[in-house]
Protein backbone atom coordinates (compact mmCIF):
# COMPACT_ATOMS: atom_id res chain seq x y z
CA UNK A 1 0.00 0.00 0.00
CA UNK A 2 1.32 3.43 -0.94
CA UNK A 3 1.95 6.06 1.72
CA UNK A 4 -0.37 9.05 1.83
CA UNK A 5 1.07 12.18 0.24
CA UNK A 6 -0.39 14.52 2.90
CA UNK A 7 -1.69 13.69 6.36
CA UNK A 8 -3.24 16.26 8.72
CA UNK A 9 -2.75 15.80 12.48
CA UNK A 10 -4.25 17.58 15.45
CA UNK A 11 -2.14 17.27 18.58
CA UNK A 12 -3.69 18.07 21.96
CA UNK A 13 -1.95 17.84 25.30
CA UNK A 14 -1.91 19.24 28.81
CA UNK A 15 1.42 20.74 29.88
CA UNK A 16 3.13 19.46 33.01
CA UNK A 17 6.10 20.88 34.87
CA UNK A 18 8.32 18.29 33.13
CA UNK A 19 9.18 18.50 29.41
CA UNK A 20 6.98 16.08 27.48
CA UNK A 21 7.42 15.12 23.83
CA UNK A 22 4.13 15.77 22.06
CA UNK A 23 5.12 15.24 18.41
CA UNK A 24 7.89 13.50 16.50
CA UNK A 25 7.96 13.82 12.71
CA UNK A 26 7.67 10.28 11.30
CA UNK A 27 10.28 8.68 9.06
CA UNK A 28 9.70 9.67 5.44
CA UNK A 29 7.58 12.71 6.31
CA UNK A 30 8.18 16.37 7.07
CA UNK A 31 5.79 17.98 9.56
CA UNK A 32 4.64 21.54 9.00
CA UNK A 33 3.14 23.21 12.07
CA UNK A 34 0.24 25.30 10.84
CA UNK A 35 -1.00 26.37 14.29
CA UNK A 36 0.32 26.08 17.84
CA UNK A 37 -1.74 27.55 20.66
CA UNK A 38 -1.64 27.36 24.46
CA UNK A 39 -4.52 28.19 26.82
CA UNK A 40 -4.22 28.96 30.54
CA UNK A 41 -7.31 27.78 32.45
CA UNK A 42 -5.82 28.83 35.81
CA UNK A 43 -6.94 31.93 37.72
CA UNK A 44 -3.35 33.27 37.76
CA UNK A 45 -0.77 34.00 35.07
CA UNK A 46 1.28 30.90 34.20
CA UNK A 47 4.27 30.31 31.94
CA UNK A 48 4.61 27.90 29.01
CA UNK A 49 7.55 26.53 27.02
CA UNK A 50 7.55 25.01 23.52
CA UNK A 51 10.88 23.54 22.36
CA UNK A 52 12.04 22.10 19.04
CA UNK A 53 14.75 19.42 19.22
CA UNK A 54 16.82 17.96 16.40
CA UNK A 55 19.76 15.59 16.40
CA UNK A 56 22.90 17.12 14.87
CA UNK A 57 25.78 14.65 14.47
CA UNK A 58 24.22 12.49 17.18
CA UNK A 59 23.81 15.36 19.64
CA UNK A 60 20.34 16.64 20.59
CA UNK A 61 20.14 20.38 19.94
CA UNK A 62 17.15 22.20 21.42
CA UNK A 63 15.79 25.50 20.16
CA UNK A 64 13.26 27.31 22.38
CA UNK A 65 10.30 28.39 20.25
CA UNK A 66 8.57 29.96 23.27
CA UNK A 67 10.52 29.84 26.53
CA UNK A 68 8.82 30.72 29.82
CA UNK A 69 6.16 32.57 27.84
CA UNK A 70 3.61 34.18 30.23
CA UNK A 71 -0.06 33.47 29.57
CA UNK A 72 -2.60 35.53 31.47
CA UNK A 73 -5.40 33.96 33.50
CA UNK A 74 -8.13 32.39 31.32
CA UNK A 75 -6.38 33.49 28.12
CA UNK A 76 -4.87 31.88 25.01
CA UNK A 77 -1.89 32.72 22.86
CA UNK A 78 -0.60 31.73 19.44
CA UNK A 79 2.97 30.47 19.78
CA UNK A 80 4.30 30.75 16.22
CA UNK A 81 3.92 33.24 13.41
CA UNK A 82 4.02 31.60 10.01
CA UNK A 83 4.99 27.94 9.72
CA UNK A 84 7.50 25.68 11.50
CA UNK A 85 9.02 22.82 9.48
CA UNK A 86 9.88 19.67 11.44
CA UNK A 87 12.07 17.13 9.65
CA UNK A 88 11.88 13.36 10.18
CA UNK A 89 12.88 12.44 13.74
CA UNK A 90 12.71 16.01 15.08
CA UNK A 91 10.65 16.49 18.25
CA UNK A 92 8.37 19.14 19.78
CA UNK A 93 8.22 19.25 23.59
CA UNK A 94 6.10 21.30 25.95
CA UNK A 95 6.15 22.20 29.64
CA UNK A 96 4.40 24.67 31.92
CA UNK A 97 4.65 26.23 35.33
CA UNK A 98 1.67 24.20 36.63
CA UNK A 99 0.61 20.56 36.23
CA UNK A 100 -2.87 20.69 34.72
CA UNK A 101 -3.93 24.18 33.75
CA UNK A 102 -2.17 24.84 30.45
CA UNK A 103 -3.76 23.18 27.43
CA UNK A 104 -1.94 22.92 24.10
CA UNK A 105 -3.23 22.33 20.58
CA UNK A 106 -1.32 22.13 17.30
CA UNK A 107 -2.36 21.50 13.72
CA UNK A 108 0.34 19.75 11.71
CA UNK A 109 0.50 18.83 8.04
CA UNK A 110 2.72 15.82 7.39
CA UNK A 111 3.92 15.69 3.81
CA UNK A 112 5.74 12.80 2.20
CA UNK A 113 9.44 13.46 1.55
C-alpha atoms as a PDB file:
ATOM      1  CA  UNK A   1       0.000   0.000   0.000  1.00  0.00           C
ATOM      2  CA  UNK A   2       1.321   3.432  -0.938  1.00  0.00           C
ATOM      3  CA  UNK A   3       1.955   6.059   1.718  1.00  0.00           C
ATOM      4  CA  UNK A   4      -0.371   9.048   1.835  1.00  0.00           C
ATOM      5  CA  UNK A   5       1.075  12.178   0.240  1.00  0.00           C
ATOM      6  CA  UNK A   6      -0.394  14.522   2.896  1.00  0.00           C
ATOM      7  CA  UNK A   7      -1.690  13.694   6.364  1.00  0.00           C
ATOM      8  CA  UNK A   8      -3.241  16.258   8.715  1.00  0.00           C
ATOM      9  CA  UNK A   9      -2.752  15.796  12.479  1.00  0.00           C
ATOM     10  CA  UNK A  10      -4.251  17.582  15.451  1.00  0.00           C
ATOM     11  CA  UNK A  11      -2.136  17.272  18.581  1.00  0.00           C
ATOM     12  CA  UNK A  12      -3.685  18.067  21.964  1.00  0.00           C
ATOM     13  CA  UNK A  13      -1.946  17.835  25.303  1.00  0.00           C
ATOM     14  CA  UNK A  14      -1.909  19.243  28.810  1.00  0.00           C
ATOM     15  CA  UNK A  15       1.416  20.736  29.878  1.00  0.00           C
ATOM     16  CA  UNK A  16       3.126  19.465  33.013  1.00  0.00           C
ATOM     17  CA  UNK A  17       6.103  20.883  34.874  1.00  0.00           C
ATOM     18  CA  UNK A  18       8.323  18.291  33.131  1.00  0.00           C
ATOM     19  CA  UNK A  19       9.184  18.496  29.411  1.00  0.00           C
ATOM     20  CA  UNK A  20       6.984  16.078  27.481  1.00  0.00           C
ATOM     21  CA  UNK A  21       7.415  15.124  23.828  1.00  0.00           C
ATOM     22  CA  UNK A  22       4.131  15.767  22.062  1.00  0.00           C
ATOM     23  CA  UNK A  23       5.121  15.240  18.413  1.00  0.00           C
ATOM     24  CA  UNK A  24       7.888  13.497  16.501  1.00  0.00           C
ATOM     25  CA  UNK A  25       7.957  13.815  12.706  1.00  0.00           C
ATOM     26  CA  UNK A  26       7.669  10.282  11.301  1.00  0.00           C
ATOM     27  CA  UNK A  27      10.279   8.681   9.062  1.00  0.00           C
ATOM     28  CA  UNK A  28       9.701   9.669   5.445  1.00  0.00           C
ATOM     29  CA  UNK A  29       7.584  12.710   6.313  1.00  0.00           C
ATOM     30  CA  UNK A  30       8.180  16.370   7.070  1.00  0.00           C
ATOM     31  CA  UNK A  31       5.794  17.979   9.561  1.00  0.00           C
ATOM     32  CA  UNK A  32       4.642  21.544   8.997  1.00  0.00           C
ATOM     33  CA  UNK A  33       3.143  23.206  12.069  1.00  0.00           C
ATOM     34  CA  UNK A  34       0.236  25.298  10.844  1.00  0.00           C
ATOM     35  CA  UNK A  35      -0.995  26.369  14.293  1.00  0.00           C
ATOM     36  CA  UNK A  36       0.324  26.078  17.843  1.00  0.00           C
ATOM     37  CA  UNK A  37      -1.745  27.547  20.664  1.00  0.00           C
ATOM     38  CA  UNK A  38      -1.643  27.360  24.462  1.00  0.00           C
ATOM     39  CA  UNK A  39      -4.520  28.186  26.821  1.00  0.00           C
ATOM     40  CA  UNK A  40      -4.223  28.965  30.539  1.00  0.00           C
ATOM     41  CA  UNK A  41      -7.305  27.782  32.455  1.00  0.00           C
ATOM     42  CA  UNK A  42      -5.817  28.829  35.811  1.00  0.00           C
ATOM     43  CA  UNK A  43      -6.936  31.933  37.723  1.00  0.00           C
ATOM     44  CA  UNK A  44      -3.349  33.274  37.764  1.00  0.00           C
ATOM     45  CA  UNK A  45      -0.766  34.004  35.073  1.00  0.00           C
ATOM     46  CA  UNK A  46       1.285  30.902  34.204  1.00  0.00           C
ATOM     47  CA  UNK A  47       4.274  30.307  31.936  1.00  0.00           C
ATOM     48  CA  UNK A  48       4.606  27.903  29.009  1.00  0.00           C
ATOM     49  CA  UNK A  49       7.550  26.534  27.018  1.00  0.00           C
ATOM     50  CA  UNK A  50       7.549  25.014  23.525  1.00  0.00           C
ATOM     51  CA  UNK A  51      10.875  23.541  22.363  1.00  0.00           C
ATOM     52  CA  UNK A  52      12.036  22.104  19.036  1.00  0.00           C
ATOM     53  CA  UNK A  53      14.755  19.422  19.225  1.00  0.00           C
ATOM     54  CA  UNK A  54      16.819  17.960  16.399  1.00  0.00           C
ATOM     55  CA  UNK A  55      19.764  15.588  16.404  1.00  0.00           C
ATOM     56  CA  UNK A  56      22.898  17.123  14.872  1.00  0.00           C
ATOM     57  CA  UNK A  57      25.781  14.652  14.466  1.00  0.00           C
ATOM     58  CA  UNK A  58      24.225  12.492  17.181  1.00  0.00           C
ATOM     59  CA  UNK A  59      23.813  15.360  19.645  1.00  0.00           C
ATOM     60  CA  UNK A  60      20.342  16.643  20.589  1.00  0.00           C
ATOM     61  CA  UNK A  61      20.138  20.384  19.942  1.00  0.00           C
ATOM     62  CA  UNK A  62      17.149  22.197  21.422  1.00  0.00           C
ATOM     63  CA  UNK A  63      15.791  25.499  20.160  1.00  0.00           C
ATOM     64  CA  UNK A  64      13.263  27.308  22.381  1.00  0.00           C
ATOM     65  CA  UNK A  65      10.305  28.389  20.249  1.00  0.00           C
ATOM     66  CA  UNK A  66       8.568  29.964  23.269  1.00  0.00           C
ATOM     67  CA  UNK A  67      10.522  29.841  26.529  1.00  0.00           C
ATOM     68  CA  UNK A  68       8.820  30.720  29.816  1.00  0.00           C
ATOM     69  CA  UNK A  69       6.157  32.568  27.842  1.00  0.00           C
ATOM     70  CA  UNK A  70       3.615  34.181  30.234  1.00  0.00           C
ATOM     71  CA  UNK A  71      -0.056  33.471  29.568  1.00  0.00           C
ATOM     72  CA  UNK A  72      -2.595  35.534  31.474  1.00  0.00           C
ATOM     73  CA  UNK A  73      -5.404  33.964  33.496  1.00  0.00           C
ATOM     74  CA  UNK A  74      -8.127  32.392  31.317  1.00  0.00           C
ATOM     75  CA  UNK A  75      -6.378  33.491  28.119  1.00  0.00           C
ATOM     76  CA  UNK A  76      -4.870  31.885  25.012  1.00  0.00           C
ATOM     77  CA  UNK A  77      -1.887  32.716  22.858  1.00  0.00           C
ATOM     78  CA  UNK A  78      -0.596  31.731  19.440  1.00  0.00           C
ATOM     79  CA  UNK A  79       2.967  30.472  19.780  1.00  0.00           C
ATOM     80  CA  UNK A  80       4.301  30.752  16.223  1.00  0.00           C
ATOM     81  CA  UNK A  81       3.918  33.239  13.406  1.00  0.00           C
ATOM     82  CA  UNK A  82       4.017  31.604  10.010  1.00  0.00           C
ATOM     83  CA  UNK A  83       4.989  27.935   9.723  1.00  0.00           C
ATOM     84  CA  UNK A  84       7.496  25.685  11.498  1.00  0.00           C
ATOM     85  CA  UNK A  85       9.020  22.817   9.485  1.00  0.00           C
ATOM     86  CA  UNK A  86       9.876  19.674  11.437  1.00  0.00           C
ATOM     87  CA  UNK A  87      12.068  17.129   9.652  1.00  0.00           C
ATOM     88  CA  UNK A  88      11.885  13.357  10.181  1.00  0.00           C
ATOM     89  CA  UNK A  89      12.882  12.441  13.735  1.00  0.00           C
ATOM     90  CA  UNK A  90      12.710  16.007  15.082  1.00  0.00           C
ATOM     91  CA  UNK A  91      10.648  16.491  18.252  1.00  0.00           C
ATOM     92  CA  UNK A  92       8.372  19.138  19.779  1.00  0.00           C
ATOM     93  CA  UNK A  93       8.222  19.246  23.587  1.00  0.00           C
ATOM     94  CA  UNK A  94       6.096  21.304  25.952  1.00  0.00           C
ATOM     95  CA  UNK A  95       6.149  22.204  29.640  1.00  0.00           C
ATOM     96  CA  UNK A  96       4.402  24.668  31.915  1.00  0.00           C
ATOM     97  CA  UNK A  97       4.647  26.230  35.333  1.00  0.00           C
ATOM     98  CA  UNK A  98       1.674  24.198  36.632  1.00  0.00           C
ATOM     99  CA  UNK A  99       0.614  20.560  36.226  1.00  0.00           C
ATOM    100  CA  UNK A 100      -2.866  20.685  34.724  1.00  0.00           C
ATOM    101  CA  UNK A 101      -3.934  24.184  33.754  1.00  0.00           C
ATOM    102  CA  UNK A 102      -2.174  24.843  30.453  1.00  0.00           C
ATOM    103  CA  UNK A 103      -3.762  23.184  27.433  1.00  0.00           C
ATOM    104  CA  UNK A 104      -1.939  22.916  24.103  1.00  0.00           C
ATOM    105  CA  UNK A 105      -3.228  22.332  20.583  1.00  0.00           C
ATOM    106  CA  UNK A 106      -1.317  22.126  17.302  1.00  0.00           C
ATOM    107  CA  UNK A 107      -2.363  21.501  13.715  1.00  0.00           C
ATOM    108  CA  UNK A 108       0.339  19.747  11.710  1.00  0.00           C
ATOM    109  CA  UNK A 109       0.496  18.827   8.039  1.00  0.00           C
ATOM    110  CA  UNK A 110       2.718  15.818   7.395  1.00  0.00           C
ATOM    111  CA  UNK A 111       3.924  15.695   3.811  1.00  0.00           C
ATOM    112  CA  UNK A 112       5.739  12.797   2.196  1.00  0.00           C
ATOM    113  CA  UNK A 113       9.439  13.464   1.549  1.00  0.00           C
END
